[in-house]
């Protein structure tokens, strides 16, 4: 799955993966159970393969600094335009940096991103990154994430799992045993919650799925 695939999806507006609503796990763990507003000003959340996710706007409006990376220029520019955010744009090496207030998005390749570009992040929010990648890319993705994170930094990882005989991705099915395989060498892994969301995601039911399980994990980078 090359960059051209995602560029084509954005050019054709084939973005069924884009959600208009804020993810409930994000709102729960970073809102209801999150730190108070004063403490949030010291936290910076990295959103890989961010698209034009409204979750970034929610994080920003709720006191968190946000940094994302996204390969599609269309997605990045749509995010700032659709949310009426004034922006500063600068070319820095292989990436283009878009910034507005406490939101930064690096337009370019996740795999060539450097930790110095992210700054002092505290958390990662991965709702649609790992599951956007086919199996042969996931190990490199997880290894790059371990490279980018310092000890103690956390990931809220949200995955989907389903019968792959009934549907092919993206979004791809990533089961709990694969999460363990990908991350256990570098992260402490805790399962937070799981639920069957098929009735809330009717487009997947129409594709033939009989169950669609969404699972949230907390990962913490090892010392």
Protein backbone atom coordinates (compact mmCIF):
# COMPACT_ATOMS: atom_id res chain seq x y z
CA UNK A 1 0.00 0.00 0.00
CA UNK A 2 1.89 3.00 -1.33
CA UNK A 3 1.34 6.71 -0.86
CA UNK A 4 -0.42 6.84 -4.24
CA UNK A 5 -3.26 4.75 -2.80
CA UNK A 6 -4.03 7.36 -0.13
CA UNK A 7 -3.45 10.31 -2.45
CA UNK A 8 -6.01 8.77 -4.82
CA UNK A 9 -8.53 8.19 -2.02
CA UNK A 10 -8.33 11.84 -0.96
CA UNK A 11 -8.42 13.14 -4.54
CA UNK A 12 -11.56 11.09 -5.22
CA UNK A 13 -13.07 11.98 -1.83
CA UNK A 14 -13.25 8.27 -1.00
CA UNK A 15 -12.85 8.92 2.71
CA UNK A 16 -15.40 6.70 4.41
CA UNK A 17 -12.78 6.22 7.12
CA UNK A 18 -13.14 9.90 8.12
CA UNK A 19 -15.42 10.33 11.12
CA UNK A 20 -17.39 13.50 11.79
CA UNK A 21 -17.89 12.67 15.46
CA UNK A 22 -15.25 12.68 18.18
CA UNK A 23 -14.20 9.17 19.13
CA UNK A 24 -15.89 8.17 22.41
CA UNK A 25 -12.71 6.54 23.77
CA UNK A 26 -10.82 9.79 23.24
CA UNK A 27 -13.53 11.83 24.96
CA UNK A 28 -13.66 9.36 27.85
CA UNK A 29 -9.97 8.86 28.57
CA UNK A 30 -8.76 12.35 27.72
CA UNK A 31 -11.91 14.16 28.77
CA UNK A 32 -13.89 12.56 31.61
CA UNK A 33 -10.92 10.64 33.02
CA UNK A 34 -8.24 13.01 31.80
CA UNK A 35 -6.20 15.52 33.78
CA UNK A 36 -7.64 18.90 34.73
CA UNK A 37 -7.37 21.78 32.29
CA UNK A 38 -4.33 23.28 33.96
CA UNK A 39 -2.38 20.03 33.63
CA UNK A 40 -3.38 19.56 30.00
CA UNK A 41 -1.41 22.64 28.98
CA UNK A 42 1.76 20.62 29.62
CA UNK A 43 0.67 17.68 27.45
CA UNK A 44 1.18 17.22 23.72
CA UNK A 45 -0.61 14.48 21.79
CA UNK A 46 0.82 12.98 18.60
CA UNK A 47 -1.76 11.80 16.04
CA UNK A 48 -0.11 9.65 13.33
CA UNK A 49 -1.71 9.31 9.88
CA UNK A 50 -4.13 11.97 11.11
CA UNK A 51 -6.06 12.85 7.94
CA UNK A 52 -8.38 15.73 8.81
CA UNK A 53 -9.63 14.12 12.00
CA UNK A 54 -11.99 16.14 14.16
CA UNK A 55 -10.35 14.43 17.13
CA UNK A 56 -7.41 16.82 16.69
CA UNK A 57 -9.72 19.82 16.98
CA UNK A 58 -11.33 18.30 20.09
CA UNK A 59 -7.93 17.81 21.70
CA UNK A 60 -6.95 21.38 20.92
CA UNK A 61 -10.21 22.82 22.23
CA UNK A 62 -9.84 20.78 25.41
CA UNK A 63 -6.44 22.17 26.31
CA UNK A 64 -4.00 19.74 24.70
CA UNK A 65 -1.29 20.65 22.22
CA UNK A 66 -1.52 18.50 19.09
CA UNK A 67 0.99 17.36 16.48
CA UNK A 68 -0.01 15.17 13.56
CA UNK A 69 1.57 13.65 10.49
CA UNK A 70 -0.32 13.03 7.25
CA UNK A 71 0.88 12.17 3.76
CA UNK A 72 -2.01 13.88 1.91
CA UNK A 73 -1.75 17.61 1.28
CA UNK A 74 -5.48 17.65 0.50
CA UNK A 75 -6.32 16.22 3.94
CA UNK A 76 -4.07 18.67 5.79
CA UNK A 77 -5.31 21.75 3.96
CA UNK A 78 -8.94 20.61 4.29
CA UNK A 79 -8.49 20.33 8.05
CA UNK A 80 -7.40 23.93 8.49
CA UNK A 81 -9.83 25.31 5.89
CA UNK A 82 -12.91 23.45 7.12
CA UNK A 83 -12.23 24.51 10.72
CA UNK A 84 -11.47 28.12 9.71
CA UNK A 85 -8.04 28.00 11.33
CA UNK A 86 -5.44 30.56 10.24
CA UNK A 87 -2.21 28.79 9.50
CA UNK A 88 1.49 29.24 9.00
CA UNK A 89 3.16 26.98 6.47
CA UNK A 90 6.86 26.23 6.14
CA UNK A 91 8.91 23.64 4.30
CA UNK A 92 11.29 21.77 6.56
CA UNK A 93 13.31 19.02 4.93
CA UNK A 94 11.15 16.24 3.54
CA UNK A 95 8.02 17.57 5.28
CA UNK A 96 5.86 20.68 5.16
CA UNK A 97 4.82 22.03 8.55
CA UNK A 98 1.34 23.50 8.97
CA UNK A 99 0.69 25.28 12.27
CA UNK A 100 -2.18 27.14 13.91
CA UNK A 101 -2.25 27.90 17.63
CA UNK A 102 -1.57 24.68 19.52
CA UNK A 103 -1.99 22.44 16.44
CA UNK A 104 0.83 21.36 14.14
CA UNK A 105 0.59 18.92 11.24
CA UNK A 106 3.61 17.64 9.35
CA UNK A 107 2.60 16.83 5.78
CA UNK A 108 4.77 13.98 4.55
CA UNK A 109 5.84 10.42 5.28
CA UNK A 110 5.37 9.07 8.81
CA UNK A 111 8.32 6.73 8.34
CA UNK A 112 10.79 9.57 7.74
CA UNK A 113 9.53 11.72 10.61
CA UNK A 114 12.10 12.53 13.30
CA UNK A 115 11.48 12.87 17.02
CA UNK A 116 12.89 16.40 16.96
CA UNK A 117 10.03 17.45 14.70
CA UNK A 118 7.44 16.28 17.23
CA UNK A 119 8.88 18.16 20.18
CA UNK A 120 8.12 17.11 23.75
CA UNK A 121 5.13 14.81 23.23
CA UNK A 122 3.49 13.03 26.15
CA UNK A 123 0.91 10.86 24.40
CA UNK A 124 -0.03 9.25 21.10
CA UNK A 125 -3.60 8.87 19.88
CA UNK A 126 -3.92 6.09 17.28
CA UNK A 127 -7.52 5.49 16.26
CA UNK A 128 -7.09 4.90 12.54
CA UNK A 129 -3.38 4.52 11.87
CA UNK A 130 -2.41 0.94 12.65
CA UNK A 131 -5.65 -0.40 11.18
CA UNK A 132 -5.08 1.59 7.99
CA UNK A 133 -1.98 -0.45 7.20
CA UNK A 134 -1.78 -3.92 5.63
CA UNK A 135 -0.05 -6.69 7.61
CA UNK A 136 3.32 -6.32 5.89
CA UNK A 137 3.65 -2.68 7.02
CA UNK A 138 2.52 -2.96 10.63
CA UNK A 139 5.78 -4.22 12.12
CA UNK A 140 7.71 -1.29 10.61
CA UNK A 141 4.99 1.07 11.82
CA UNK A 142 5.23 -0.19 15.41
CA UNK A 143 9.04 -0.12 15.33
CA UNK A 144 8.99 3.48 14.11
CA UNK A 145 6.59 4.39 16.90
CA UNK A 146 8.95 2.89 19.48
CA UNK A 147 11.76 4.93 17.95
CA UNK A 148 9.77 8.16 18.20
CA UNK A 149 8.66 7.72 21.83
CA UNK A 150 10.66 8.22 25.00
CA UNK A 151 10.28 6.00 28.09
CA UNK A 152 6.99 6.60 29.90
CA UNK A 153 5.16 8.09 26.94
CA UNK A 154 1.74 6.59 26.31
CA UNK A 155 -0.42 5.48 23.41
CA UNK A 156 -4.21 5.24 23.29
CA UNK A 157 -4.57 2.61 20.58
CA UNK A 158 -7.97 1.77 19.08
CA UNK A 159 -8.25 -1.29 16.84
CA UNK A 160 -10.93 -3.11 14.89
CA UNK A 161 -11.21 -6.87 14.52
CA UNK A 162 -13.53 -8.88 12.31
CA UNK A 163 -13.72 -12.01 10.17
CA UNK A 164 -11.36 -11.26 7.30
CA UNK A 165 -13.17 -13.79 5.11
CA UNK A 166 -16.17 -11.44 5.17
CA UNK A 167 -14.36 -8.21 4.28
CA UNK A 168 -10.92 -6.97 3.27
CA UNK A 169 -9.48 -3.68 4.50
CA UNK A 170 -8.77 -0.93 4.94
CA UNK A 171 -9.64 -0.58 7.73
CA UNK A 172 -7.87 -3.85 8.45
CA UNK A 173 -8.60 -6.32 11.22
CA UNK A 174 -5.96 -6.28 13.96
CA UNK A 175 -6.62 -8.85 16.69
CA UNK A 176 -5.35 -8.77 20.26
CA UNK A 177 -2.61 -11.32 19.66
CA UNK A 178 -1.17 -9.18 16.87
CA UNK A 179 -1.15 -6.12 19.14
CA UNK A 180 0.93 -8.18 21.58
CA UNK A 181 3.30 -9.31 18.84
CA UNK A 182 3.80 -5.80 17.49
CA UNK A 183 4.28 -3.92 20.74
CA UNK A 184 5.25 -6.22 23.61
CA UNK A 185 9.01 -5.82 23.12
CA UNK A 186 8.88 -2.06 23.71
CA UNK A 187 5.64 -1.33 25.52
CA UNK A 188 3.56 -2.31 28.50
CA UNK A 189 0.12 -3.19 27.11
CA UNK A 190 -3.17 -2.85 28.99
CA UNK A 191 -6.56 -3.57 27.47
CA UNK A 192 -8.99 -0.82 28.46
CA UNK A 193 -12.29 -1.71 26.80
CA UNK A 194 -13.92 -3.65 23.97
CA UNK A 195 -17.33 -3.61 22.32
CA UNK A 196 -19.17 -4.82 19.23
CA UNK A 197 -19.95 -1.68 17.18
CA UNK A 198 -21.53 -3.28 14.12
CA UNK A 199 -24.95 -1.72 14.71
CA UNK A 200 -23.33 1.73 14.87
CA UNK A 201 -21.30 1.08 11.69
CA UNK A 202 -23.94 -0.04 9.22
CA UNK A 203 -21.70 0.45 6.18
CA UNK A 204 -19.64 -2.50 7.41
CA UNK A 205 -22.76 -4.56 8.02
CA UNK A 206 -23.78 -3.85 4.43
CA UNK A 207 -20.42 -5.22 3.31
CA UNK A 208 -21.26 -8.54 4.94
CA UNK A 209 -19.73 -8.35 8.41
CA UNK A 210 -21.59 -10.18 11.16
CA UNK A 211 -19.51 -8.67 13.99
CA UNK A 212 -17.13 -5.73 14.32
CA UNK A 213 -15.18 -5.46 17.56
CA UNK A 214 -13.53 -2.21 18.58
CA UNK A 215 -10.87 -2.46 21.30
CA UNK A 216 -9.00 0.26 23.17
CA UNK A 217 -5.54 -0.28 24.66
CA UNK A 218 -3.20 1.78 26.76
CA UNK A 219 0.43 1.30 25.79
CA UNK A 220 3.31 2.73 27.80
CA UNK A 221 6.85 2.93 26.42
CA UNK A 222 9.23 0.81 28.45
CA UNK A 223 12.03 2.40 30.45
